[in-house]
Full PDB file with SEQRES, HELIX, SHEET, SSBOND, CRYST1, ORIGX, SCALE, CONECT and MASTER records, all heavy atoms in Angstrom:
SEQRES   1 A   44  ALA VAL SER GLY THR PRO GLU ARG GLN ASN PRO LEU VAL          
SEQRES   2 A   44  LEU THR VAL GLY PRO GLY PHE PHE THR THR LEU GLN ILE          
SEQRES   3 A   44  PRO LEU LEU ARG GLY ARG GLU MET ASP ASP HIS ASP ARG          
SEQRES   4 A   44  PRO SER LEU ASN PRO                                          
HELIX    1 AA1 PHE A   20  LEU A   24  1                                   5    
CRYST1    1.000    1.000    1.000  90.00  90.00  90.00 P 1           1          
ORIGX1      1.000000  0.000000  0.000000        0.00000                         
ORIGX2      0.000000  1.000000  0.000000        0.00000                         
ORIGX3      0.000000  0.000000  1.000000        0.00000                         
SCALE1      1.000000  0.000000  0.000000        0.00000                         
SCALE2      0.000000  1.000000  0.000000        0.00000                         
SCALE3      0.000000  0.000000  1.000000        0.00000                         
ATOM      1  N   ALA A   1       7.643   1.697 -11.154  1.00  0.00           N  
ATOM      2  CA  ALA A   1       7.439   2.766 -12.120  1.00  0.00           C  
ATOM      3  C   ALA A   1       6.233   3.585 -11.702  1.00  0.00           C  
ATOM      4  O   ALA A   1       5.204   3.036 -11.320  1.00  0.00           O  
ATOM      5  CB  ALA A   1       7.208   2.170 -13.512  1.00  0.00           C  
ATOM      6  N   VAL A   2       6.378   4.897 -11.762  1.00  0.00           N  
ATOM      7  CA  VAL A   2       5.275   5.802 -11.478  1.00  0.00           C  
ATOM      8  C   VAL A   2       4.533   6.017 -12.787  1.00  0.00           C  
ATOM      9  O   VAL A   2       5.121   6.468 -13.775  1.00  0.00           O  
ATOM     10  CB  VAL A   2       5.792   7.138 -10.907  1.00  0.00           C  
ATOM     11  CG1 VAL A   2       4.647   8.104 -10.691  1.00  0.00           C  
ATOM     12  CG2 VAL A   2       6.557   6.890  -9.615  1.00  0.00           C  
ATOM     13  N   SER A   3       3.237   5.654 -12.812  1.00  0.00           N  
ATOM     14  CA  SER A   3       2.452   5.745 -14.047  1.00  0.00           C  
ATOM     15  C   SER A   3       2.446   7.163 -14.597  1.00  0.00           C  
ATOM     16  O   SER A   3       2.338   8.127 -13.853  1.00  0.00           O  
ATOM     17  CB  SER A   3       1.020   5.288 -13.797  1.00  0.00           C  
ATOM     18  OG  SER A   3       1.009   3.923 -13.491  1.00  0.00           O  
ATOM     19  N   GLY A   4       2.577   7.235 -15.903  1.00  0.00           N  
ATOM     20  CA  GLY A   4       2.523   8.519 -16.593  1.00  0.00           C  
ATOM     21  C   GLY A   4       3.830   9.279 -16.594  1.00  0.00           C  
ATOM     22  O   GLY A   4       3.895  10.391 -17.094  1.00  0.00           O  
ATOM     23  N   THR A   5       4.892   8.692 -16.027  1.00  0.00           N  
ATOM     24  CA  THR A   5       6.191   9.359 -16.027  1.00  0.00           C  
ATOM     25  C   THR A   5       7.271   8.330 -16.350  1.00  0.00           C  
ATOM     26  O   THR A   5       7.064   7.134 -16.187  1.00  0.00           O  
ATOM     27  CB  THR A   5       6.530   9.979 -14.645  1.00  0.00           C  
ATOM     28  OG1 THR A   5       6.844   8.926 -13.737  1.00  0.00           O  
ATOM     29  CG2 THR A   5       5.397  10.829 -14.107  1.00  0.00           C  
ATOM     30  N   PRO A   6       8.427   8.805 -16.786  1.00  0.00           N  
ATOM     31  CA  PRO A   6       9.535   7.876 -17.008  1.00  0.00           C  
ATOM     32  C   PRO A   6      10.271   7.538 -15.707  1.00  0.00           C  
ATOM     33  O   PRO A   6      11.231   6.778 -15.718  1.00  0.00           O  
ATOM     34  CB  PRO A   6      10.453   8.646 -17.965  1.00  0.00           C  
ATOM     35  CG  PRO A   6      10.171  10.079 -17.671  1.00  0.00           C  
ATOM     36  CD  PRO A   6       8.730  10.149 -17.259  1.00  0.00           C  
ATOM     37  N   GLU A   7       9.809   8.107 -14.588  1.00  0.00           N  
ATOM     38  CA  GLU A   7      10.474   7.915 -13.300  1.00  0.00           C  
ATOM     39  C   GLU A   7      10.482   6.454 -12.877  1.00  0.00           C  
ATOM     40  O   GLU A   7       9.491   5.752 -12.993  1.00  0.00           O  
ATOM     41  CB  GLU A   7       9.790   8.746 -12.214  1.00  0.00           C  
ATOM     42  CG  GLU A   7       9.859  10.234 -12.440  1.00  0.00           C  
ATOM     43  CD  GLU A   7      11.281  10.764 -12.346  1.00  0.00           C  
ATOM     44  OE1 GLU A   7      12.039  10.327 -11.454  1.00  0.00           O  
ATOM     45  OE2 GLU A   7      11.635  11.597 -13.197  1.00  0.00           O  
ATOM     46  N   ARG A   8      11.607   6.029 -12.342  1.00  0.00           N  
ATOM     47  CA  ARG A   8      11.748   4.692 -11.761  1.00  0.00           C  
ATOM     48  C   ARG A   8      12.264   4.863 -10.345  1.00  0.00           C  
ATOM     49  O   ARG A   8      13.152   5.664 -10.092  1.00  0.00           O  
ATOM     50  CB  ARG A   8      12.737   3.841 -12.551  1.00  0.00           C  
ATOM     51  CG  ARG A   8      12.340   3.627 -13.999  1.00  0.00           C  
ATOM     52  CD  ARG A   8      11.479   2.410 -14.095  1.00  0.00           C  
ATOM     53  NE  ARG A   8      11.347   1.994 -15.477  1.00  0.00           N  
ATOM     54  CZ  ARG A   8      10.214   1.666 -16.021  1.00  0.00           C  
ATOM     55  NH1 ARG A   8       9.109   1.722 -15.328  1.00  0.00           N  
ATOM     56  NH2 ARG A   8      10.152   1.277 -17.274  1.00  0.00           N  
ATOM     57  N   GLN A   9      11.715   4.090  -9.429  1.00  0.00           N  
ATOM     58  CA  GLN A   9      12.133   4.105  -8.039  1.00  0.00           C  
ATOM     59  C   GLN A   9      12.634   2.706  -7.689  1.00  0.00           C  
ATOM     60  O   GLN A   9      12.304   1.744  -8.365  1.00  0.00           O  
ATOM     61  CB  GLN A   9      10.952   4.480  -7.132  1.00  0.00           C  
ATOM     62  CG  GLN A   9      10.294   5.795  -7.467  1.00  0.00           C  
ATOM     63  CD  GLN A   9      11.173   6.996  -7.181  1.00  0.00           C  
ATOM     64  OE1 GLN A   9      11.930   6.995  -6.216  1.00  0.00           O  
ATOM     65  NE2 GLN A   9      11.087   8.008  -8.016  1.00  0.00           N  
ATOM     66  N   ASN A  10      13.395   2.598  -6.628  1.00  0.00           N  
ATOM     67  CA  ASN A  10      13.892   1.302  -6.163  1.00  0.00           C  
ATOM     68  C   ASN A  10      13.610   1.160  -4.663  1.00  0.00           C  
ATOM     69  O   ASN A  10      14.526   1.068  -3.854  1.00  0.00           O  
ATOM     70  CB  ASN A  10      15.391   1.184  -6.454  1.00  0.00           C  
ATOM     71  CG  ASN A  10      15.897  -0.211  -6.221  1.00  0.00           C  
ATOM     72  OD1 ASN A  10      15.151  -1.183  -6.265  1.00  0.00           O  
ATOM     73  ND2 ASN A  10      17.185  -0.328  -5.943  1.00  0.00           N  
ATOM     74  N   PRO A  11      12.318   1.141  -4.277  1.00  0.00           N  
ATOM     75  CA  PRO A  11      11.980   1.082  -2.854  1.00  0.00           C  
ATOM     76  C   PRO A  11      11.973  -0.343  -2.319  1.00  0.00           C  
ATOM     77  O   PRO A  11      12.013  -1.309  -3.086  1.00  0.00           O  
ATOM     78  CB  PRO A  11      10.553   1.641  -2.835  1.00  0.00           C  
ATOM     79  CG  PRO A  11       9.988   1.120  -4.121  1.00  0.00           C  
ATOM     80  CD  PRO A  11      11.125   1.223  -5.111  1.00  0.00           C  
ATOM     81  N   LEU A  12      11.878  -0.449  -1.000  1.00  0.00           N  
ATOM     82  CA  LEU A  12      11.530  -1.733  -0.406  1.00  0.00           C  
ATOM     83  C   LEU A  12      10.077  -1.983  -0.747  1.00  0.00           C  
ATOM     84  O   LEU A  12       9.268  -1.055  -0.781  1.00  0.00           O  
ATOM     85  CB  LEU A  12      11.678  -1.689   1.114  1.00  0.00           C  
ATOM     86  CG  LEU A  12      13.079  -1.483   1.669  1.00  0.00           C  
ATOM     87  CD1 LEU A  12      13.024  -1.387   3.186  1.00  0.00           C  
ATOM     88  CD2 LEU A  12      14.001  -2.598   1.241  1.00  0.00           C  
ATOM     89  N   VAL A  13       9.722  -3.214  -1.019  1.00  0.00           N  
ATOM     90  CA  VAL A  13       8.335  -3.575  -1.279  1.00  0.00           C  
ATOM     91  C   VAL A  13       7.957  -4.660  -0.280  1.00  0.00           C  
ATOM     92  O   VAL A  13       8.545  -5.736  -0.275  1.00  0.00           O  
ATOM     93  CB  VAL A  13       8.127  -4.066  -2.732  1.00  0.00           C  
ATOM     94  CG1 VAL A  13       6.689  -4.492  -2.952  1.00  0.00           C  
ATOM     95  CG2 VAL A  13       8.520  -2.967  -3.719  1.00  0.00           C  
ATOM     96  N   LEU A  14       6.997  -4.340   0.583  1.00  0.00           N  
ATOM     97  CA  LEU A  14       6.529  -5.281   1.595  1.00  0.00           C  
ATOM     98  C   LEU A  14       5.097  -5.661   1.281  1.00  0.00           C  
ATOM     99  O   LEU A  14       4.267  -4.794   0.984  1.00  0.00           O  
ATOM    100  CB  LEU A  14       6.585  -4.653   2.985  1.00  0.00           C  
ATOM    101  CG  LEU A  14       7.964  -4.274   3.507  1.00  0.00           C  
ATOM    102  CD1 LEU A  14       7.842  -3.535   4.831  1.00  0.00           C  
ATOM    103  CD2 LEU A  14       8.829  -5.506   3.677  1.00  0.00           C  
ATOM    104  N   THR A  15       4.811  -6.941   1.338  1.00  0.00           N  
ATOM    105  CA  THR A  15       3.455  -7.426   1.148  1.00  0.00           C  
ATOM    106  C   THR A  15       2.879  -7.668   2.540  1.00  0.00           C  
ATOM    107  O   THR A  15       3.450  -8.418   3.328  1.00  0.00           O  
ATOM    108  CB  THR A  15       3.450  -8.718   0.313  1.00  0.00           C  
ATOM    109  OG1 THR A  15       4.116  -8.447  -0.918  1.00  0.00           O  
ATOM    110  CG2 THR A  15       2.030  -9.169   0.036  1.00  0.00           C  
ATOM    111  N   VAL A  16       1.761  -6.993   2.830  1.00  0.00           N  
ATOM    112  CA  VAL A  16       1.198  -7.011   4.176  1.00  0.00           C  
ATOM    113  C   VAL A  16      -0.291  -7.330   4.128  1.00  0.00           C  
ATOM    114  O   VAL A  16      -0.940  -7.202   3.092  1.00  0.00           O  
ATOM    115  CB  VAL A  16       1.429  -5.665   4.891  1.00  0.00           C  
ATOM    116  CG1 VAL A  16       2.918  -5.357   4.995  1.00  0.00           C  
ATOM    117  CG2 VAL A  16       0.700  -4.526   4.210  1.00  0.00           C  
ATOM    118  N   GLY A  17      -0.818  -7.715   5.280  1.00  0.00           N  
ATOM    119  CA  GLY A  17      -2.236  -8.019   5.396  1.00  0.00           C  
ATOM    120  C   GLY A  17      -3.025  -6.827   5.912  1.00  0.00           C  
ATOM    121  O   GLY A  17      -2.458  -5.823   6.345  1.00  0.00           O  
ATOM    122  N   PRO A  18      -4.353  -6.950   5.877  1.00  0.00           N  
ATOM    123  CA  PRO A  18      -5.204  -5.903   6.445  1.00  0.00           C  
ATOM    124  C   PRO A  18      -4.858  -5.685   7.915  1.00  0.00           C  
ATOM    125  O   PRO A  18      -4.493  -6.615   8.627  1.00  0.00           O  
ATOM    126  CB  PRO A  18      -6.616  -6.471   6.307  1.00  0.00           C  
ATOM    127  CG  PRO A  18      -6.514  -7.472   5.209  1.00  0.00           C  
ATOM    128  CD  PRO A  18      -5.129  -8.048   5.312  1.00  0.00           C  
ATOM    129  N   GLY A  19      -4.938  -4.446   8.351  1.00  0.00           N  
ATOM    130  CA  GLY A  19      -4.655  -4.123   9.740  1.00  0.00           C  
ATOM    131  C   GLY A  19      -3.179  -3.996  10.070  1.00  0.00           C  
ATOM    132  O   GLY A  19      -2.817  -3.813  11.228  1.00  0.00           O  
ATOM    133  N   PHE A  20      -2.318  -4.048   9.080  1.00  0.00           N  
ATOM    134  CA  PHE A  20      -0.880  -4.002   9.304  1.00  0.00           C  
ATOM    135  C   PHE A  20      -0.461  -2.725  10.038  1.00  0.00           C  
ATOM    136  O   PHE A  20       0.276  -2.768  11.024  1.00  0.00           O  
ATOM    137  CB  PHE A  20      -0.135  -4.114   7.971  1.00  0.00           C  
ATOM    138  CG  PHE A  20       1.358  -4.033   8.084  1.00  0.00           C  
ATOM    139  CD1 PHE A  20       2.097  -5.137   8.464  1.00  0.00           C  
ATOM    140  CD2 PHE A  20       2.022  -2.847   7.816  1.00  0.00           C  
ATOM    141  CE1 PHE A  20       3.477  -5.072   8.568  1.00  0.00           C  
ATOM    142  CE2 PHE A  20       3.404  -2.774   7.918  1.00  0.00           C  
ATOM    143  CZ  PHE A  20       4.129  -3.880   8.293  1.00  0.00           C  
ATOM    144  N   PHE A  21      -0.926  -1.580   9.572  1.00  0.00           N  
ATOM    145  CA  PHE A  21      -0.506  -0.304  10.154  1.00  0.00           C  
ATOM    146  C   PHE A  21      -1.078  -0.123  11.562  1.00  0.00           C  
ATOM    147  O   PHE A  21      -0.398   0.377  12.441  1.00  0.00           O  
ATOM    148  CB  PHE A  21      -0.880   0.854   9.229  1.00  0.00           C  
ATOM    149  CG  PHE A  21      -0.181   0.742   7.904  1.00  0.00           C  
ATOM    150  CD1 PHE A  21      -0.805   0.140   6.828  1.00  0.00           C  
ATOM    151  CD2 PHE A  21       1.113   1.186   7.745  1.00  0.00           C  
ATOM    152  CE1 PHE A  21      -0.162  -0.013   5.612  1.00  0.00           C  
ATOM    153  CE2 PHE A  21       1.773   1.047   6.542  1.00  0.00           C  
ATOM    154  CZ  PHE A  21       1.144   0.441   5.470  1.00  0.00           C  
ATOM    155  N   THR A  22      -2.302  -0.565  11.759  1.00  0.00           N  
ATOM    156  CA  THR A  22      -2.900  -0.525  13.092  1.00  0.00           C  
ATOM    157  C   THR A  22      -2.124  -1.426  14.038  1.00  0.00           C  
ATOM    158  O   THR A  22      -1.788  -1.038  15.157  1.00  0.00           O  
ATOM    159  CB  THR A  22      -4.376  -0.968  13.030  1.00  0.00           C  
ATOM    160  OG1 THR A  22      -5.084  -0.065  12.195  1.00  0.00           O  
ATOM    161  CG2 THR A  22      -5.004  -1.011  14.399  1.00  0.00           C  
ATOM    162  N   THR A  23      -1.829  -2.638  13.601  1.00  0.00           N  
ATOM    163  CA  THR A  23      -1.134  -3.611  14.441  1.00  0.00           C  
ATOM    164  C   THR A  23       0.243  -3.117  14.842  1.00  0.00           C  
ATOM    165  O   THR A  23       0.647  -3.250  15.997  1.00  0.00           O  
ATOM    166  CB  THR A  23      -1.027  -4.967  13.713  1.00  0.00           C  
ATOM    167  OG1 THR A  23      -2.344  -5.419  13.391  1.00  0.00           O  
ATOM    168  CG2 THR A  23      -0.332  -6.011  14.566  1.00  0.00           C  
ATOM    169  N   LEU A  24       0.981  -2.548  13.911  1.00  0.00           N  
ATOM    170  CA  LEU A  24       2.327  -2.073  14.215  1.00  0.00           C  
ATOM    171  C   LEU A  24       2.355  -0.635  14.705  1.00  0.00           C  
ATOM    172  O   LEU A  24       3.417  -0.094  14.951  1.00  0.00           O  
ATOM    173  CB  LEU A  24       3.237  -2.242  12.999  1.00  0.00           C  
ATOM    174  CG  LEU A  24       3.736  -3.669  12.959  1.00  0.00           C  
ATOM    175  CD1 LEU A  24       3.016  -4.469  11.916  1.00  0.00           C  
ATOM    176  CD2 LEU A  24       5.206  -3.708  12.788  1.00  0.00           C  
ATOM    177  N   GLN A  25       1.200  -0.027  14.822  1.00  0.00           N  
ATOM    178  CA  GLN A  25       1.066   1.348  15.284  1.00  0.00           C  
ATOM    179  C   GLN A  25       1.896   2.308  14.437  1.00  0.00           C  
ATOM    180  O   GLN A  25       2.598   3.185  14.943  1.00  0.00           O  
ATOM    181  CB  GLN A  25       1.407   1.460  16.765  1.00  0.00           C  
ATOM    182  CG  GLN A  25       0.486   0.637  17.635  1.00  0.00           C  
ATOM    183  CD  GLN A  25       0.804   0.720  19.105  1.00  0.00           C  
ATOM    184  OE1 GLN A  25       1.654   1.476  19.542  1.00  0.00           O  
ATOM    185  NE2 GLN A  25       0.083  -0.061  19.889  1.00  0.00           N  
ATOM    186  N   ILE A  26       1.802   2.117  13.118  1.00  0.00           N  
ATOM    187  CA  ILE A  26       2.435   3.018  12.161  1.00  0.00           C  
ATOM    188  C   ILE A  26       1.343   3.983  11.704  1.00  0.00           C  
ATOM    189  O   ILE A  26       0.395   3.570  11.031  1.00  0.00           O  
ATOM    190  CB  ILE A  26       3.022   2.256  10.955  1.00  0.00           C  
ATOM    191  CG1 ILE A  26       4.093   1.263  11.424  1.00  0.00           C  
ATOM    192  CG2 ILE A  26       3.589   3.232   9.936  1.00  0.00           C  
ATOM    193  CD1 ILE A  26       4.587   0.321  10.330  1.00  0.00           C  
ATOM    194  N   PRO A  27       1.441   5.260  12.070  1.00  0.00           N  
ATOM    195  CA  PRO A  27       0.381   6.206  11.712  1.00  0.00           C  
ATOM    196  C   PRO A  27       0.272   6.443  10.206  1.00  0.00           C  
ATOM    197  O   PRO A  27       1.278   6.456   9.496  1.00  0.00           O  
ATOM    198  CB  PRO A  27       0.794   7.500  12.419  1.00  0.00           C  
ATOM    199  CG  PRO A  27       1.774   7.084  13.463  1.00  0.00           C  
ATOM    200  CD  PRO A  27       2.449   5.858  12.933  1.00  0.00           C  
ATOM    201  N   LEU A  28      -0.953   6.631   9.762  1.00  0.00           N  
ATOM    202  CA  LEU A  28      -1.199   7.050   8.387  1.00  0.00           C  
ATOM    203  C   LEU A  28      -1.333   8.574   8.385  1.00  0.00           C  
ATOM    204  O   LEU A  28      -2.053   9.144   9.201  1.00  0.00           O  
ATOM    205  CB  LEU A  28      -2.469   6.417   7.836  1.00  0.00           C  
ATOM    206  CG  LEU A  28      -2.394   4.919   7.581  1.00  0.00           C  
ATOM    207  CD1 LEU A  28      -3.709   4.425   6.993  1.00  0.00           C  
ATOM    208  CD2 LEU A  28      -1.258   4.569   6.654  1.00  0.00           C  
ATOM    209  N   LEU A  29      -0.648   9.205   7.451  1.00  0.00           N  
ATOM    210  CA  LEU A  29      -0.688  10.663   7.336  1.00  0.00           C  
ATOM    211  C   LEU A  29      -1.801  11.119   6.401  1.00  0.00           C  
ATOM    212  O   LEU A  29      -2.351  12.195   6.572  1.00  0.00           O  
ATOM    213  CB  LEU A  29       0.649  11.175   6.807  1.00  0.00           C  
ATOM    214  CG  LEU A  29       1.857  10.825   7.668  1.00  0.00           C  
ATOM    215  CD1 LEU A  29       3.137  11.206   6.963  1.00  0.00           C  
ATOM    216  CD2 LEU A  29       1.740  11.516   9.017  1.00  0.00           C  
ATOM    217  N   ARG A  30      -2.080  10.286   5.408  1.00  0.00           N  
ATOM    218  CA  ARG A  30      -3.114  10.576   4.416  1.00  0.00           C  
ATOM    219  C   ARG A  30      -3.777   9.278   4.010  1.00  0.00           C  
ATOM    220  O   ARG A  30      -3.166   8.223   4.027  1.00  0.00           O  
ATOM    221  CB  ARG A  30      -2.518  11.194   3.149  1.00  0.00           C  
ATOM    222  CG  ARG A  30      -1.946  12.545   3.304  1.00  0.00           C  
ATOM    223  CD  ARG A  30      -1.444  13.026   1.964  1.00  0.00           C  
ATOM    224  NE  ARG A  30      -1.088  14.427   2.065  1.00  0.00           N  
ATOM    225  CZ  ARG A  30      -0.628  15.137   1.076  1.00  0.00           C  
ATOM    226  NH1 ARG A  30      -0.458  14.586  -0.107  1.00  0.00           N  
ATOM    227  NH2 ARG A  30      -0.332  16.399   1.248  1.00  0.00           N  
ATOM    228  N   GLY A  31      -5.018   9.381   3.600  1.00  0.00           N  
ATOM    229  CA  GLY A  31      -5.699   8.234   3.030  1.00  0.00           C  
ATOM    230  C   GLY A  31      -6.101   7.207   4.066  1.00  0.00           C  
ATOM    231  O   GLY A  31      -6.420   7.535   5.201  1.00  0.00           O  
ATOM    232  N   ARG A  32      -6.029   5.953   3.644  1.00  0.00           N  
ATOM    233  CA  ARG A  32      -6.550   4.865   4.463  1.00  0.00           C  
ATOM    234  C   ARG A  32      -5.629   3.661   4.415  1.00  0.00           C  
ATOM    235  O   ARG A  32      -4.751   3.542   3.566  1.00  0.00           O  
ATOM    236  CB  ARG A  32      -7.939   4.464   3.975  1.00  0.00           C  
ATOM    237  CG  ARG A  32      -7.915   3.860   2.556  1.00  0.00           C  
ATOM    238  CD  ARG A  32      -9.290   3.398   2.124  1.00  0.00           C  
ATOM    239  NE  ARG A  32      -9.305   2.866   0.782  1.00  0.00           N  
ATOM    240  CZ  ARG A  32      -9.015   1.616   0.445  1.00  0.00           C  
ATOM    241  NH1 ARG A  32      -8.645   0.739   1.362  1.00  0.00           N  
ATOM    242  NH2 ARG A  32      -9.082   1.229  -0.809  1.00  0.00           N  
ATOM    243  N   GLU A  33      -5.909   2.747   5.323  1.00  0.00           N  
ATOM    244  CA  GLU A  33      -5.212   1.467   5.366  1.00  0.00           C  
ATOM    245  C   GLU A  33      -5.890   0.502   4.387  1.00  0.00           C  
ATOM    246  O   GLU A  33      -7.072   0.639   4.092  1.00  0.00           O  
ATOM    247  CB  GLU A  33      -5.291   0.921   6.794  1.00  0.00           C  
ATOM    248  CG  GLU A  33      -4.487  -0.306   7.021  1.00  0.00           C  
ATOM    249  CD  GLU A  33      -4.247  -0.583   8.503  1.00  0.00           C  
ATOM    250  OE1 GLU A  33      -4.632   0.216   9.357  1.00  0.00           O  
ATOM    251  OE2 GLU A  33      -3.646  -1.627   8.772  1.00  0.00           O  
ATOM    252  N   MET A  34      -5.157  -0.462   3.904  1.00  0.00           N  
ATOM    253  CA  MET A  34      -5.744  -1.499   3.063  1.00  0.00           C  
ATOM    254  C   MET A  34      -6.602  -2.393   3.948  1.00  0.00           C  
ATOM    255  O   MET A  34      -6.258  -2.647   5.102  1.00  0.00           O  
ATOM    256  CB  MET A  34      -4.638  -2.299   2.377  1.00  0.00           C  
ATOM    257  CG  MET A  34      -3.802  -1.440   1.446  1.00  0.00           C  
ATOM    258  SD  MET A  34      -2.318  -2.257   0.849  1.00  0.00           S  
ATOM    259  CE  MET A  34      -1.245  -2.148   2.284  1.00  0.00           C  
ATOM    260  N   ASP A  35      -7.717  -2.892   3.404  1.00  0.00           N  
ATOM    261  CA  ASP A  35      -8.594  -3.730   4.221  1.00  0.00           C  
ATOM    262  C   ASP A  35      -9.111  -4.915   3.412  1.00  0.00           C  
ATOM    263  O   ASP A  35      -8.708  -5.128   2.271  1.00  0.00           O  
ATOM    264  CB  ASP A  35      -9.742  -2.910   4.815  1.00  0.00           C  
ATOM    265  CG  ASP A  35     -10.629  -2.263   3.768  1.00  0.00           C  
ATOM    266  OD1 ASP A  35     -10.787  -2.816   2.652  1.00  0.00           O  
ATOM    267  OD2 ASP A  35     -11.196  -1.201   4.064  1.00  0.00           O  
ATOM    268  N   ASP A  36     -10.021  -5.687   4.011  1.00  0.00           N  
ATOM    269  CA  ASP A  36     -10.540  -6.895   3.367  1.00  0.00           C  
ATOM    270  C   ASP A  36     -11.368  -6.602   2.121  1.00  0.00           C  
ATOM    271  O   ASP A  36     -11.608  -7.495   1.319  1.00  0.00           O  
ATOM    272  CB  ASP A  36     -11.372  -7.714   4.357  1.00  0.00           C  
ATOM    273  CG  ASP A  36     -10.501  -8.454   5.363  1.00  0.00           C  
ATOM    274  OD1 ASP A  36      -9.377  -8.860   4.985  1.00  0.00           O  
ATOM    275  OD2 ASP A  36     -10.929  -8.612   6.510  1.00  0.00           O  
ATOM    276  N   HIS A  37     -11.810  -5.369   1.956  1.00  0.00           N  
ATOM    277  CA  HIS A  37     -12.598  -5.029   0.771  1.00  0.00           C  
ATOM    278  C   HIS A  37     -11.723  -4.860  -0.471  1.00  0.00           C  
ATOM    279  O   HIS A  37     -12.211  -4.920  -1.591  1.00  0.00           O  
ATOM    280  CB  HIS A  37     -13.405  -3.758   1.013  1.00  0.00           C  
ATOM    281  CG  HIS A  37     -14.454  -3.949   2.066  1.00  0.00           C  
ATOM    282  ND1 HIS A  37     -14.259  -3.573   3.376  1.00  0.00           N  
ATOM    283  CD2 HIS A  37     -15.678  -4.514   2.008  1.00  0.00           C  
ATOM    284  CE1 HIS A  37     -15.331  -3.875   4.077  1.00  0.00           C  
ATOM    285  NE2 HIS A  37     -16.205  -4.460   3.281  1.00  0.00           N  
ATOM    286  N   ASP A  38     -10.449  -4.623  -0.277  1.00  0.00           N  
ATOM    287  CA  ASP A  38      -9.523  -4.481  -1.396  1.00  0.00           C  
ATOM    288  C   ASP A  38      -9.184  -5.862  -1.931  1.00  0.00           C  
ATOM    289  O   ASP A  38      -8.751  -6.731  -1.191  1.00  0.00           O  
ATOM    290  CB  ASP A  38      -8.241  -3.767  -0.952  1.00  0.00           C  
ATOM    291  CG  ASP A  38      -8.498  -2.345  -0.507  1.00  0.00           C  
ATOM    292  OD1 ASP A  38      -9.150  -1.608  -1.265  1.00  0.00           O  
ATOM    293  OD2 ASP A  38      -8.046  -1.987   0.592  1.00  0.00           O  
ATOM    294  N   ARG A  39      -9.390  -6.056  -3.195  1.00  0.00           N  
ATOM    295  CA  ARG A  39      -9.106  -7.333  -3.855  1.00  0.00           C  
ATOM    296  C   ARG A  39      -7.932  -7.123  -4.809  1.00  0.00           C  
ATOM    297  O   ARG A  39      -8.090  -6.479  -5.845  1.00  0.00           O  
ATOM    298  CB  ARG A  39     -10.311  -7.827  -4.648  1.00  0.00           C  
ATOM    299  CG  ARG A  39     -11.568  -7.971  -3.825  1.00  0.00           C  
ATOM    300  CD  ARG A  39     -11.511  -9.254  -3.043  1.00  0.00           C  
ATOM    301  NE  ARG A  39     -12.770  -9.449  -2.350  1.00  0.00           N  
ATOM    302  CZ  ARG A  39     -12.841  -9.824  -1.092  1.00  0.00           C  
ATOM    303  NH1 ARG A  39     -11.749 -10.038  -0.414  1.00  0.00           N  
ATOM    304  NH2 ARG A  39     -14.001  -9.987  -0.510  1.00  0.00           N  
ATOM    305  N   PRO A  40      -6.750  -7.645  -4.457  1.00  0.00           N  
ATOM    306  CA  PRO A  40      -5.577  -7.403  -5.293  1.00  0.00           C  
ATOM    307  C   PRO A  40      -5.758  -7.794  -6.756  1.00  0.00           C  
ATOM    308  O   PRO A  40      -5.168  -7.183  -7.636  1.00  0.00           O  
ATOM    309  CB  PRO A  40      -4.487  -8.252  -4.631  1.00  0.00           C  
ATOM    310  CG  PRO A  40      -4.913  -8.336  -3.211  1.00  0.00           C  
ATOM    311  CD  PRO A  40      -6.425  -8.395  -3.262  1.00  0.00           C  
ATOM    312  N   SER A  41      -6.588  -8.803  -7.026  1.00  0.00           N  
ATOM    313  CA  SER A  41      -6.767  -9.212  -8.418  1.00  0.00           C  
ATOM    314  C   SER A  41      -7.698  -8.259  -9.179  1.00  0.00           C  
ATOM    315  O   SER A  41      -7.648  -8.203 -10.399  1.00  0.00           O  
ATOM    316  CB  SER A  41      -7.329 -10.630  -8.475  1.00  0.00           C  
ATOM    317  OG  SER A  41      -8.579 -10.677  -7.805  1.00  0.00           O  
ATOM    318  N   LEU A  42      -8.541  -7.500  -8.466  1.00  0.00           N  
ATOM    319  CA  LEU A  42      -9.483  -6.582  -9.115  1.00  0.00           C  
ATOM    320  C   LEU A  42      -9.057  -5.130  -9.015  1.00  0.00           C  
ATOM    321  O   LEU A  42      -9.113  -4.389  -9.986  1.00  0.00           O  
ATOM    322  CB  LEU A  42     -10.881  -6.743  -8.500  1.00  0.00           C  
ATOM    323  CG  LEU A  42     -11.510  -8.121  -8.630  1.00  0.00           C  
ATOM    324  CD1 LEU A  42     -12.838  -8.160  -7.882  1.00  0.00           C  
ATOM    325  CD2 LEU A  42     -11.725  -8.463 -10.097  1.00  0.00           C  
ATOM    326  N   ASN A  43      -8.710  -4.699  -7.831  1.00  0.00           N  
ATOM    327  CA  ASN A  43      -8.312  -3.308  -7.617  1.00  0.00           C  
ATOM    328  C   ASN A  43      -7.075  -3.265  -6.727  1.00  0.00           C  
ATOM    329  O   ASN A  43      -7.160  -3.018  -5.540  1.00  0.00           O  
ATOM    330  CB  ASN A  43      -9.461  -2.496  -7.004  1.00  0.00           C  
ATOM    331  CG  ASN A  43      -9.930  -3.070  -5.667  1.00  0.00           C  
ATOM    332  OD1 ASN A  43      -9.875  -4.274  -5.445  1.00  0.00           O  
ATOM    333  ND2 ASN A  43     -10.382  -2.217  -4.777  1.00  0.00           N  
ATOM    334  N   PRO A  44      -5.893  -3.521  -7.313  1.00  0.00           N  
ATOM    335  CA  PRO A  44      -4.678  -3.533  -6.515  1.00  0.00           C  
ATOM    336  C   PRO A  44      -4.417  -2.165  -5.887  1.00  0.00           C  
ATOM    337  O   PRO A  44      -4.515  -1.141  -6.573  1.00  0.00           O  
ATOM    338  CB  PRO A  44      -3.573  -3.897  -7.502  1.00  0.00           C  
ATOM    339  CG  PRO A  44      -4.224  -4.186  -8.794  1.00  0.00           C  
ATOM    340  CD  PRO A  44      -5.651  -3.787  -8.713  1.00  0.00           C  
TER     341      PRO A  44                                                      
MASTER        0    0    0    1    0    0    0    6  340    1    0    4          
END                                                                             
């Protein structure tokens, strides 16, 4: 669910570790990669 809208999506959901995009050489177009500073229990 996209917050603030009634929209629902049905994407693939992959759970990955830090460095995933670098390791697989998947370029980021915007923003940043998830890293060790991100704590899923505090700031998903």
